[in-house]
């Protein structure tokens, strides 16, 4: 990822935090209670002098943490929790740091050792088709000498979807963009790892297809061994 792109991401994160802090100030200054309505996105955009898209993203983040609740055609409301709790939660959100690469790798490994086992238990024929499409795309890219990082992640996201656990699937979707950024930054997907990944992916797919939960987990663990060692040597 280019330096200017990373700078834009950092700038976006900073603006989002400022807006979240300003929304907290409005809740406090107006003594808004649970269930009370916030000013509209347009009004907040004008008040804070930022694009409405930035307001929307900040509100979506606060919705994600259960602090706000947006209702179509009605507006955005303070969730049914006390103001003291809201202030504490927003303070925690504003203190959140961007996850480091090692943390992302550890989180991904823990998640995928669970999702691959559940995928082996619950996969449908449609899930298998989606995994096969992603696997074929990965193999084609690797064999043609192209970067196959995104196809690799699509295969793993297909496994998460096959697990039938929406929470785990959502977590994978949340951390995937950050994983892509860090993989590019640290040049993780070198040609040797990509080549060995073909057979590893095939074994994971076969174990899921055969609904062999032990083998699926073992193959996923083996698949991540090189990545785990790599991440702790950078």
C-alpha atoms as a PDB file:
ATOM      1  CA  UNK A   1       0.000   0.000   0.000  1.00  0.00           C
ATOM      2  CA  UNK A   2       1.330   3.401  -0.954  1.00  0.00           C
ATOM      3  CA  UNK A   3       2.399   5.818   1.754  1.00  0.00           C
ATOM      4  CA  UNK A   4      -0.198   8.408   0.779  1.00  0.00           C
ATOM      5  CA  UNK A   5      -2.951   5.783   1.023  1.00  0.00           C
ATOM      6  CA  UNK A   6      -1.887   4.836   4.561  1.00  0.00           C
ATOM      7  CA  UNK A   7      -1.824   8.538   5.433  1.00  0.00           C
ATOM      8  CA  UNK A   8      -5.393   8.919   4.200  1.00  0.00           C
ATOM      9  CA  UNK A   9      -6.471   5.960   6.339  1.00  0.00           C
ATOM     10  CA  UNK A  10      -4.814   7.507   9.399  1.00  0.00           C
ATOM     11  CA  UNK A  11      -6.434  10.860   8.627  1.00  0.00           C
ATOM     12  CA  UNK A  12      -9.845   9.202   8.213  1.00  0.00           C
ATOM     13  CA  UNK A  13      -9.464   7.427  11.568  1.00  0.00           C
ATOM     14  CA  UNK A  14      -8.547  10.709  13.255  1.00  0.00           C
ATOM     15  CA  UNK A  15     -11.569  12.542  11.778  1.00  0.00           C
ATOM     16  CA  UNK A  16     -13.875   9.705  12.811  1.00  0.00           C
ATOM     17  CA  UNK A  17     -12.641   9.872  16.402  1.00  0.00           C
ATOM     18  CA  UNK A  18     -13.157  13.643  16.506  1.00  0.00           C
ATOM     19  CA  UNK A  19     -16.737  13.241  15.269  1.00  0.00           C
ATOM     20  CA  UNK A  20     -17.442  10.498  17.818  1.00  0.00           C
ATOM     21  CA  UNK A  21     -16.162  12.796  20.570  1.00  0.00           C
ATOM     22  CA  UNK A  22     -18.386  15.611  19.290  1.00  0.00           C
ATOM     23  CA  UNK A  23     -21.439  13.342  19.231  1.00  0.00           C
ATOM     24  CA  UNK A  24     -20.681  12.419  22.851  1.00  0.00           C
ATOM     25  CA  UNK A  25     -20.533  16.143  23.692  1.00  0.00           C
ATOM     26  CA  UNK A  26     -23.951  16.713  22.098  1.00  0.00           C
ATOM     27  CA  UNK A  27     -25.442  13.842  24.126  1.00  0.00           C
ATOM     28  CA  UNK A  28     -24.044  15.389  27.312  1.00  0.00           C
ATOM     29  CA  UNK A  29     -24.769  19.072  26.540  1.00  0.00           C
ATOM     30  CA  UNK A  30     -28.355  18.390  25.482  1.00  0.00           C
ATOM     31  CA  UNK A  31     -28.828  15.934  28.377  1.00  0.00           C
ATOM     32  CA  UNK A  32     -30.101  13.329  25.941  1.00  0.00           C
ATOM     33  CA  UNK A  33     -31.646  10.292  27.606  1.00  0.00           C
ATOM     34  CA  UNK A  34     -31.952   6.739  26.292  1.00  0.00           C
ATOM     35  CA  UNK A  35     -34.378   6.795  23.381  1.00  0.00           C
ATOM     36  CA  UNK A  36     -33.862  10.504  22.610  1.00  0.00           C
ATOM     37  CA  UNK A  37     -33.214  11.492  19.007  1.00  0.00           C
ATOM     38  CA  UNK A  38     -29.926  12.930  17.762  1.00  0.00           C
ATOM     39  CA  UNK A  39     -29.835  15.849  15.306  1.00  0.00           C
ATOM     40  CA  UNK A  40     -30.014  14.720  11.667  1.00  0.00           C
ATOM     41  CA  UNK A  41     -26.923  13.780   9.655  1.00  0.00           C
ATOM     42  CA  UNK A  42     -27.344  17.003   7.675  1.00  0.00           C
ATOM     43  CA  UNK A  43     -27.444  19.135  10.816  1.00  0.00           C
ATOM     44  CA  UNK A  44     -24.425  17.336  12.312  1.00  0.00           C
ATOM     45  CA  UNK A  45     -22.545  17.692   9.032  1.00  0.00           C
ATOM     46  CA  UNK A  46     -23.150  21.444   9.015  1.00  0.00           C
ATOM     47  CA  UNK A  47     -22.374  21.836  12.719  1.00  0.00           C
ATOM     48  CA  UNK A  48     -19.095  19.891  12.567  1.00  0.00           C
ATOM     49  CA  UNK A  49     -18.193  21.142   9.057  1.00  0.00           C
ATOM     50  CA  UNK A  50     -17.503  17.631   7.727  1.00  0.00           C
ATOM     51  CA  UNK A  51     -19.082  15.581   4.885  1.00  0.00           C
ATOM     52  CA  UNK A  52     -22.270  13.685   5.666  1.00  0.00           C
ATOM     53  CA  UNK A  53     -20.459  10.465   4.724  1.00  0.00           C
ATOM     54  CA  UNK A  54     -18.052  11.043   7.652  1.00  0.00           C
ATOM     55  CA  UNK A  55     -21.006  11.570  10.010  1.00  0.00           C
ATOM     56  CA  UNK A  56     -22.633   8.388   8.727  1.00  0.00           C
ATOM     57  CA  UNK A  57     -19.479   6.311   9.267  1.00  0.00           C
ATOM     58  CA  UNK A  58     -19.063   7.606  12.830  1.00  0.00           C
ATOM     59  CA  UNK A  59     -22.722   6.827  13.594  1.00  0.00           C
ATOM     60  CA  UNK A  60     -22.340   3.333  12.112  1.00  0.00           C
ATOM     61  CA  UNK A  61     -19.365   2.697  14.381  1.00  0.00           C
ATOM     62  CA  UNK A  62     -21.349   3.807  17.443  1.00  0.00           C
ATOM     63  CA  UNK A  63     -24.215   1.576  16.268  1.00  0.00           C
ATOM     64  CA  UNK A  64     -21.775  -1.328  16.036  1.00  0.00           C
ATOM     65  CA  UNK A  65     -20.953  -0.869  19.733  1.00  0.00           C
ATOM     66  CA  UNK A  66     -24.614  -0.534  20.684  1.00  0.00           C
ATOM     67  CA  UNK A  67     -24.463   3.151  21.642  1.00  0.00           C
ATOM     68  CA  UNK A  68     -26.762   4.503  18.928  1.00  0.00           C
ATOM     69  CA  UNK A  69     -29.697   3.024  17.065  1.00  0.00           C
ATOM     70  CA  UNK A  70     -30.660   4.215  13.577  1.00  0.00           C
ATOM     71  CA  UNK A  71     -34.224   3.618  12.403  1.00  0.00           C
ATOM     72  CA  UNK A  72     -34.977   4.092   8.669  1.00  0.00           C
ATOM     73  CA  UNK A  73     -37.173   7.117   7.945  1.00  0.00           C
ATOM     74  CA  UNK A  74     -37.115   8.075  11.641  1.00  0.00           C
ATOM     75  CA  UNK A  75     -33.560   9.042  12.573  1.00  0.00           C
ATOM     76  CA  UNK A  76     -30.795   8.089  14.987  1.00  0.00           C
ATOM     77  CA  UNK A  77     -31.530   7.537  18.672  1.00  0.00           C
ATOM     78  CA  UNK A  78     -29.535   7.078  21.863  1.00  0.00           C
ATOM     79  CA  UNK A  79     -29.584   3.399  22.838  1.00  0.00           C
ATOM     80  CA  UNK A  80     -31.350   2.166  25.930  1.00  0.00           C
ATOM     81  CA  UNK A  81     -28.331   2.474  28.209  1.00  0.00           C
ATOM     82  CA  UNK A  82     -27.433   5.131  30.755  1.00  0.00           C
ATOM     83  CA  UNK A  83     -25.419   8.248  29.964  1.00  0.00           C
ATOM     84  CA  UNK A  84     -22.621   7.254  32.367  1.00  0.00           C
ATOM     85  CA  UNK A  85     -22.237   3.930  30.562  1.00  0.00           C
ATOM     86  CA  UNK A  86     -22.351   5.685  27.177  1.00  0.00           C
ATOM     87  CA  UNK A  87     -19.571   8.072  28.174  1.00  0.00           C
ATOM     88  CA  UNK A  88     -17.430   5.203  29.445  1.00  0.00           C
ATOM     89  CA  UNK A  89     -17.962   3.171  26.265  1.00  0.00           C
ATOM     90  CA  UNK A  90     -17.149   6.121  24.008  1.00  0.00           C
ATOM     91  CA  UNK A  91     -13.999   6.846  26.030  1.00  0.00           C
ATOM     92  CA  UNK A  92     -12.947   3.231  25.440  1.00  0.00           C
ATOM     93  CA  UNK A  93     -13.666   3.525  21.699  1.00  0.00           C
ATOM     94  CA  UNK A  94     -11.589   6.704  21.441  1.00  0.00           C
ATOM     95  CA  UNK A  95      -8.681   4.962  23.182  1.00  0.00           C
ATOM     96  CA  UNK A  96      -8.738   2.011  20.817  1.00  0.00           C
ATOM     97  CA  UNK A  97      -5.510   1.650  18.856  1.00  0.00           C
ATOM     98  CA  UNK A  98      -5.200   0.109  15.418  1.00  0.00           C
ATOM     99  CA  UNK A  99      -4.393  -3.606  15.866  1.00  0.00           C
ATOM    100  CA  UNK A 100      -0.778  -4.565  15.248  1.00  0.00           C
ATOM    101  CA  UNK A 101       0.127  -7.248  12.742  1.00  0.00           C
ATOM    102  CA  UNK A 102       0.865  -9.934  15.334  1.00  0.00           C
ATOM    103  CA  UNK A 103      -2.503  -9.354  17.014  1.00  0.00           C
ATOM    104  CA  UNK A 104      -4.261  -9.662  13.671  1.00  0.00           C
ATOM    105  CA  UNK A 105      -2.478 -12.926  12.894  1.00  0.00           C
ATOM    106  CA  UNK A 106      -3.263 -14.379  16.336  1.00  0.00           C
ATOM    107  CA  UNK A 107      -6.915 -13.357  16.059  1.00  0.00           C
ATOM    108  CA  UNK A 108      -7.234 -14.758  12.563  1.00  0.00           C
ATOM    109  CA  UNK A 109      -5.686 -18.095  13.551  1.00  0.00           C
ATOM    110  CA  UNK A 110      -7.927 -18.474  16.620  1.00  0.00           C
ATOM    111  CA  UNK A 111     -11.013 -17.640  14.569  1.00  0.00           C
ATOM    112  CA  UNK A 112     -10.169 -19.916  11.671  1.00  0.00           C
ATOM    113  CA  UNK A 113      -9.372 -22.949  13.801  1.00  0.00           C
ATOM    114  CA  UNK A 114     -12.960 -22.627  15.056  1.00  0.00           C
ATOM    115  CA  UNK A 115     -14.618 -21.753  11.746  1.00  0.00           C
ATOM    116  CA  UNK A 116     -12.960 -24.585   9.811  1.00  0.00           C
ATOM    117  CA  UNK A 117     -14.214 -27.149  12.336  1.00  0.00           C
ATOM    118  CA  UNK A 118     -17.749 -25.742  12.166  1.00  0.00           C
ATOM    119  CA  UNK A 119     -17.531 -25.573   8.372  1.00  0.00           C
ATOM    120  CA  UNK A 120     -16.694 -29.283   8.265  1.00  0.00           C
ATOM    121  CA  UNK A 121     -19.777 -29.956  10.393  1.00  0.00           C
ATOM    122  CA  UNK A 122     -22.234 -27.638   8.658  1.00  0.00           C
ATOM    123  CA  UNK A 123     -21.073 -27.048   5.089  1.00  0.00           C
ATOM    124  CA  UNK A 124     -23.660 -27.245   2.323  1.00  0.00           C
ATOM    125  CA  UNK A 125     -23.149 -28.108  -1.329  1.00  0.00           C
ATOM    126  CA  UNK A 126     -23.438 -24.383  -2.093  1.00  0.00           C
ATOM    127  CA  UNK A 127     -20.695 -23.638   0.461  1.00  0.00           C
ATOM    128  CA  UNK A 128     -18.447 -26.204  -1.223  1.00  0.00           C
ATOM    129  CA  UNK A 129     -19.061 -24.618  -4.613  1.00  0.00           C
ATOM    130  CA  UNK A 130     -18.100 -21.178  -3.272  1.00  0.00           C
ATOM    131  CA  UNK A 131     -14.930 -22.578  -1.711  1.00  0.00           C
ATOM    132  CA  UNK A 132     -14.036 -24.399  -4.927  1.00  0.00           C
ATOM    133  CA  UNK A 133     -14.458 -21.234  -7.019  1.00  0.00           C
ATOM    134  CA  UNK A 134     -12.191 -19.289  -4.638  1.00  0.00           C
ATOM    135  CA  UNK A 135      -9.656 -22.136  -4.568  1.00  0.00           C
ATOM    136  CA  UNK A 136      -9.565 -22.395  -8.372  1.00  0.00           C
ATOM    137  CA  UNK A 137      -9.056 -18.631  -8.650  1.00  0.00           C
ATOM    138  CA  UNK A 138      -6.202 -18.820  -6.117  1.00  0.00           C
ATOM    139  CA  UNK A 139      -4.495 -21.676  -7.973  1.00  0.00           C
ATOM    140  CA  UNK A 140      -4.808 -19.887 -11.339  1.00  0.00           C
ATOM    141  CA  UNK A 141      -3.205 -16.731  -9.955  1.00  0.00           C
ATOM    142  CA  UNK A 142      -0.345 -18.584  -8.240  1.00  0.00           C
ATOM    143  CA  UNK A 143       0.470 -20.738 -11.265  1.00  0.00           C
ATOM    144  CA  UNK A 144       0.520 -17.660 -13.508  1.00  0.00           C
ATOM    145  CA  UNK A 145       2.934 -15.930 -11.116  1.00  0.00           C
ATOM    146  CA  UNK A 146       0.443 -13.273 -10.016  1.00  0.00           C
ATOM    147  CA  UNK A 147      -0.328 -11.994  -6.524  1.00  0.00           C
ATOM    148  CA  UNK A 148      -3.044 -14.292  -5.132  1.00  0.00           C
ATOM    149  CA  UNK A 149      -3.465 -12.716  -1.697  1.00  0.00           C
ATOM    150  CA  UNK A 150      -7.059 -11.601  -2.225  1.00  0.00           C
ATOM    151  CA  UNK A 151      -8.073 -14.965  -3.681  1.00  0.00           C
ATOM    152  CA  UNK A 152      -6.454 -16.629  -0.662  1.00  0.00           C
ATOM    153  CA  UNK A 153      -8.539 -14.516   1.705  1.00  0.00           C
ATOM    154  CA  UNK A 154     -11.705 -15.145  -0.320  1.00  0.00           C
ATOM    155  CA  UNK A 155     -11.178 -18.885   0.190  1.00  0.00           C
ATOM    156  CA  UNK A 156     -10.877 -18.375   3.940  1.00  0.00           C
ATOM    157  CA  UNK A 157     -13.922 -16.090   4.005  1.00  0.00           C
ATOM    158  CA  UNK A 158     -15.884 -18.821   2.196  1.00  0.00           C
ATOM    159  CA  UNK A 159     -14.909 -21.202   5.001  1.00  0.00           C
ATOM    160  CA  UNK A 160     -16.069 -18.687   7.603  1.00  0.00           C
ATOM    161  CA  UNK A 161     -19.398 -18.383   5.783  1.00  0.00           C
ATOM    162  CA  UNK A 162     -19.727 -22.182   5.688  1.00  0.00           C
ATOM    163  CA  UNK A 163     -19.325 -22.305   9.484  1.00  0.00           C
ATOM    164  CA  UNK A 164     -22.868 -20.983   9.820  1.00  0.00           C
ATOM    165  CA  UNK A 165     -21.736 -18.739  12.682  1.00  0.00           C
ATOM    166  CA  UNK A 166     -22.626 -15.177  11.690  1.00  0.00           C
ATOM    167  CA  UNK A 167     -20.622 -13.614  14.530  1.00  0.00           C
ATOM    168  CA  UNK A 168     -17.392 -15.363  13.512  1.00  0.00           C
ATOM    169  CA  UNK A 169     -18.101 -14.568   9.871  1.00  0.00           C
ATOM    170  CA  UNK A 170     -18.598 -10.888  10.729  1.00  0.00           C
ATOM    171  CA  UNK A 171     -15.337 -10.803  12.690  1.00  0.00           C
ATOM    172  CA  UNK A 172     -13.509 -12.220   9.678  1.00  0.00           C
ATOM    173  CA  UNK A 173     -15.069  -9.567   7.437  1.00  0.00           C
ATOM    174  CA  UNK A 174     -14.050  -6.831   9.893  1.00  0.00           C
ATOM    175  CA  UNK A 175     -10.370  -7.824  10.138  1.00  0.00           C
ATOM    176  CA  UNK A 176      -9.866  -8.805   6.480  1.00  0.00           C
ATOM    177  CA  UNK A 177      -9.151  -5.260   5.131  1.00  0.00           C
ATOM    178  CA  UNK A 178      -6.541  -4.739   7.877  1.00  0.00           C
ATOM    179  CA  UNK A 179      -5.002  -8.130   7.074  1.00  0.00           C
ATOM    180  CA  UNK A 180      -4.674  -7.174   3.386  1.00  0.00           C
ATOM    181  CA  UNK A 181      -3.015  -3.879   4.326  1.00  0.00           C
ATOM    182  CA  UNK A 182      -0.486  -5.571   6.603  1.00  0.00           C
ATOM    183  CA  UNK A 183       0.235  -8.426   4.202  1.00  0.00           C
ATOM    184  CA  UNK A 184       1.164  -5.836   1.578  1.00  0.00           C
ATOM    185  CA  UNK A 185       3.179  -3.838   4.094  1.00  0.00           C
ATOM    186  CA  UNK A 186       5.249  -6.820   5.273  1.00  0.00           C
ATOM    187  CA  UNK A 187       5.363  -8.640   1.914  1.00  0.00           C
ATOM    188  CA  UNK A 188       4.043 -11.777   3.586  1.00  0.00           C
ATOM    189  CA  UNK A 189       2.778 -13.670   0.564  1.00  0.00           C
ATOM    190  CA  UNK A 190       6.033 -14.570  -1.147  1.00  0.00           C
ATOM    191  CA  UNK A 191       6.024 -17.036  -4.100  1.00  0.00           C
ATOM    192  CA  UNK A 192       7.203 -20.010  -1.999  1.00  0.00           C
ATOM    193  CA  UNK A 193       4.399 -19.591   0.539  1.00  0.00           C
ATOM    194  CA  UNK A 194       1.867 -19.167  -2.260  1.00  0.00           C
ATOM    195  CA  UNK A 195       3.023 -22.374  -4.002  1.00  0.00           C
ATOM    196  CA  UNK A 196       2.848 -24.451  -0.822  1.00  0.00           C
ATOM    197  CA  UNK A 197      -0.542 -22.875  -0.146  1.00  0.00           C
ATOM    198  CA  UNK A 198      -2.054 -24.666  -3.141  1.00  0.00           C
ATOM    199  CA  UNK A 199      -1.701 -28.130  -1.618  1.00  0.00           C
ATOM    200  CA  UNK A 200      -2.555 -26.874   1.870  1.00  0.00           C
ATOM    201  CA  UNK A 201      -5.783 -25.299   0.602  1.00  0.00           C
ATOM    202  CA  UNK A 202      -6.672 -28.477  -1.252  1.00  0.00           C
ATOM    203  CA  UNK A 203      -6.258 -30.540   1.907  1.00  0.00           C
ATOM    204  CA  UNK A 204      -8.388 -28.128   3.925  1.00  0.00           C
ATOM    205  CA  UNK A 205     -11.096 -28.238   1.252  1.00  0.00           C
ATOM    206  CA  UNK A 206     -11.023 -32.056   1.105  1.00  0.00           C
ATOM    207  CA  UNK A 207     -11.368 -32.354   4.891  1.00  0.00           C
ATOM    208  CA  UNK A 208     -14.351 -29.974   4.871  1.00  0.00           C
ATOM    209  CA  UNK A 209     -15.891 -31.814   1.930  1.00  0.00           C
ATOM    210  CA  UNK A 210     -15.561 -35.127   3.796  1.00  0.00           C
ATOM    211  CA  UNK A 211     -16.855 -33.474   7.006  1.00  0.00           C
ATOM    212  CA  UNK A 212     -13.754 -34.604   8.867  1.00  0.00           C
ATOM    213  CA  UNK A 213     -13.581 -32.025  11.678  1.00  0.00           C
ATOM    214  CA  UNK A 214     -10.308 -33.263  13.199  1.00  0.00           C
ATOM    215  CA  UNK A 215      -8.518 -33.310   9.864  1.00  0.00           C
ATOM    216  CA  UNK A 216      -9.912 -29.898   8.890  1.00  0.00           C
ATOM    217  CA  UNK A 217      -8.603 -28.313  12.081  1.00  0.00           C
ATOM    218  CA  UNK A 218      -5.233 -30.079  11.776  1.00  0.00           C
ATOM    219  CA  UNK A 219      -4.798 -28.975   8.147  1.00  0.00           C
ATOM    220  CA  UNK A 220      -5.706 -25.371   9.011  1.00  0.00           C
ATOM    221  CA  UNK A 221      -3.212 -25.414  11.882  1.00  0.00           C
ATOM    222  CA  UNK A 222      -0.515 -26.720   9.550  1.00  0.00           C
ATOM    223  CA  UNK A 223      -1.447 -24.090   6.957  1.00  0.00           C
ATOM    224  CA  UNK A 224      -0.899 -21.272   9.453  1.00  0.00           C
ATOM    225  CA  UNK A 225       2.395 -22.593  10.865  1.00  0.00           C
ATOM    226  CA  UNK A 226       4.590 -20.698   8.388  1.00  0.00           C
ATOM    227  CA  UNK A 227       2.567 -17.488   8.739  1.00  0.00           C
ATOM    228  CA  UNK A 228       2.747 -17.636  12.539  1.00  0.00           C
ATOM    229  CA  UNK A 229       6.524 -18.158  12.482  1.00  0.00           C
ATOM    230  CA  UNK A 230       6.961 -15.431   9.861  1.00  0.00           C
ATOM    231  CA  UNK A 231       5.010 -12.882  11.854  1.00  0.00           C
ATOM    232  CA  UNK A 232       7.132 -13.420  14.952  1.00  0.00           C
ATOM    233  CA  UNK A 233      10.367 -12.976  13.031  1.00  0.00           C
ATOM    234  CA  UNK A 234       9.618  -9.561  11.499  1.00  0.00           C
END
